Amino acid sequence: MRTKSKPTMATKKQAVIADLSIFPIGEGTSLGDSVRKAFQAMSRVKGVKLQPTAMSTIIEADELGKVIETLEKAHEAILSTGAQRIHIALRVDHRLDRPHDADYKVGRITGMVQKDASN
């Protein structure tokens, strides 16, 4: 009798959504140039979708390693500006059961809000 093997990380369809905030500390009050440089470096990583927001960047990928690679590119870009201290905040939603993206998650929220408002 043949048994079914469990899906591995390599065979399962994954969804990784991350929220990254990265910027130099002690470089004055205007950080736009450093953040722009970091975003440009992140955008060169293949296999990720980026969505910049006012406070952070949403990163979507199909594997956790791509998110880490994106963080590393942003970090290197800020280091290249001469920064001596860098703040990094990374939140990750690593979903293994369904490959839902950020648009799907937002749609579920806005759909629920609209449904609740009509009750």
Protein backbone atom coordinates (compact mmCIF):
# COMPACT_ATOMS: atom_id res chain seq x y z
CA MET A 1 0.00 0.00 0.00
CA ARG A 2 1.34 3.37 -0.99
CA THR A 3 1.12 6.21 1.51
CA LYS A 4 0.70 9.80 0.57
CA SER A 5 3.70 11.91 1.43
CA LYS A 6 3.20 15.20 3.19
CA PRO A 7 3.83 18.32 1.11
CA THR A 8 7.15 19.95 1.92
CA MET A 9 7.97 23.65 1.99
CA ALA A 10 9.38 23.25 -1.53
CA THR A 11 6.18 21.68 -2.93
CA LYS A 12 3.51 23.63 -1.05
CA LYS A 13 2.13 26.85 -2.51
CA GLN A 14 3.02 29.57 -0.01
CA ALA A 15 2.16 33.19 0.47
CA VAL A 16 4.45 35.54 2.34
CA ILE A 17 3.32 39.08 3.06
CA ALA A 18 5.67 41.31 4.99
CA ASP A 19 5.62 44.86 6.24
CA LEU A 20 9.07 46.48 6.32
CA SER A 21 10.04 49.80 7.82
CA ILE A 22 13.74 50.64 7.46
CA PHE A 23 15.52 53.96 7.87
CA PRO A 24 18.72 55.48 9.25
CA ILE A 25 18.74 56.91 12.76
CA GLY A 26 20.63 60.08 13.65
CA GLU A 27 20.72 61.39 10.08
CA GLY A 28 18.44 64.39 10.61
CA THR A 29 14.69 64.78 10.15
CA SER A 30 14.46 64.25 6.38
CA LEU A 31 14.87 60.58 5.49
CA GLY A 32 13.27 60.56 2.04
CA ASP A 33 16.50 60.17 0.07
CA SER A 34 17.64 57.17 2.13
CA VAL A 35 14.24 55.51 2.02
CA ARG A 36 14.01 56.07 -1.75
CA LYS A 37 17.43 54.48 -2.20
CA ALA A 38 16.33 51.49 -0.13
CA PHE A 39 13.11 51.13 -2.14
CA GLN A 40 15.00 51.27 -5.43
CA ALA A 41 17.31 48.49 -4.21
CA MET A 42 14.33 46.40 -3.10
CA SER A 43 12.66 46.83 -6.48
CA ARG A 44 15.60 45.06 -8.16
CA VAL A 45 14.83 41.79 -6.33
CA LYS A 46 13.10 39.40 -8.72
CA GLY A 47 10.01 37.54 -7.55
CA VAL A 48 8.65 40.13 -5.13
CA LYS A 49 5.81 42.61 -5.36
CA LEU A 50 6.30 45.89 -3.50
CA GLN A 51 3.73 48.39 -2.34
CA PRO A 52 5.17 51.53 -0.72
CA THR A 53 3.03 53.24 1.91
CA ALA A 54 3.57 56.39 3.94
CA MET A 55 5.12 54.46 6.83
CA SER A 56 6.51 51.22 5.36
CA THR A 57 6.69 48.94 2.33
CA ILE A 58 4.53 45.87 1.88
CA ILE A 59 6.48 42.98 0.36
CA GLU A 60 4.76 39.97 -1.23
CA ALA A 61 6.59 36.82 -2.28
CA ASP A 62 6.03 33.10 -2.62
CA GLU A 63 8.87 32.21 -0.27
CA LEU A 64 10.32 33.67 2.92
CA GLY A 65 13.85 33.81 1.47
CA LYS A 66 12.75 36.44 -1.05
CA VAL A 67 11.51 38.68 1.76
CA ILE A 68 14.83 38.30 3.59
CA GLU A 69 16.74 39.03 0.37
CA THR A 70 14.65 42.18 -0.10
CA LEU A 71 15.41 43.31 3.47
CA GLU A 72 19.13 42.71 2.91
CA LYS A 73 19.11 44.82 -0.29
CA ALA A 74 17.37 47.68 1.53
CA HIS A 75 19.86 47.42 4.40
CA GLU A 76 22.85 47.49 2.03
CA ALA A 77 21.42 50.54 0.26
CA ILE A 78 21.07 52.49 3.51
CA LEU A 79 24.54 51.44 4.63
CA SER A 80 25.89 52.82 1.35
CA THR A 81 24.68 56.29 2.38
CA GLY A 82 27.10 56.23 5.32
CA ALA A 83 24.47 55.54 7.97
CA GLN A 84 25.93 54.41 11.30
CA ARG A 85 22.66 53.21 12.81
CA ILE A 86 19.60 51.71 11.11
CA HIS A 87 16.12 51.04 12.45
CA ILE A 88 14.48 47.89 11.01
CA ALA A 89 10.94 46.70 11.80
CA LEU A 90 9.78 43.61 9.91
CA ARG A 91 6.41 41.90 10.38
CA VAL A 92 5.75 38.72 8.41
CA ASP A 93 2.61 36.71 7.64
CA HIS A 94 3.84 33.37 6.25
CA ARG A 95 0.82 31.41 5.11
CA LEU A 96 1.22 27.78 4.07
CA ASP A 97 -2.38 26.66 3.61
CA ARG A 98 -3.52 29.16 0.95
CA PRO A 99 -1.61 31.52 -1.33
CA HIS A 100 -3.64 34.68 -0.59
CA ASP A 101 -2.04 38.00 -1.50
CA ALA A 102 -2.39 41.43 0.11
CA ASP A 103 -5.12 42.49 -2.34
CA TYR A 104 -7.21 39.48 -1.32
CA LYS A 105 -6.76 40.26 2.38
CA VAL A 106 -7.71 43.92 1.91
CA GLY A 107 -10.71 42.89 -0.18
CA ARG A 108 -11.94 40.61 2.59
CA ILE A 109 -11.69 43.46 5.08
CA THR A 110 -13.38 46.06 2.90
CA GLY A 111 -16.06 43.54 1.93
CA MET A 112 -16.81 42.84 5.58
CA VAL A 113 -16.94 46.52 6.41
CA GLN A 114 -19.38 47.21 3.56
CA LYS A 115 -21.54 44.22 4.54
CA ASP A 116 -21.65 45.32 8.18
CA ALA A 117 -22.57 48.90 7.21
CA SER A 118 -25.67 47.70 5.30
CA ASN A 119 -27.11 45.73 8.25
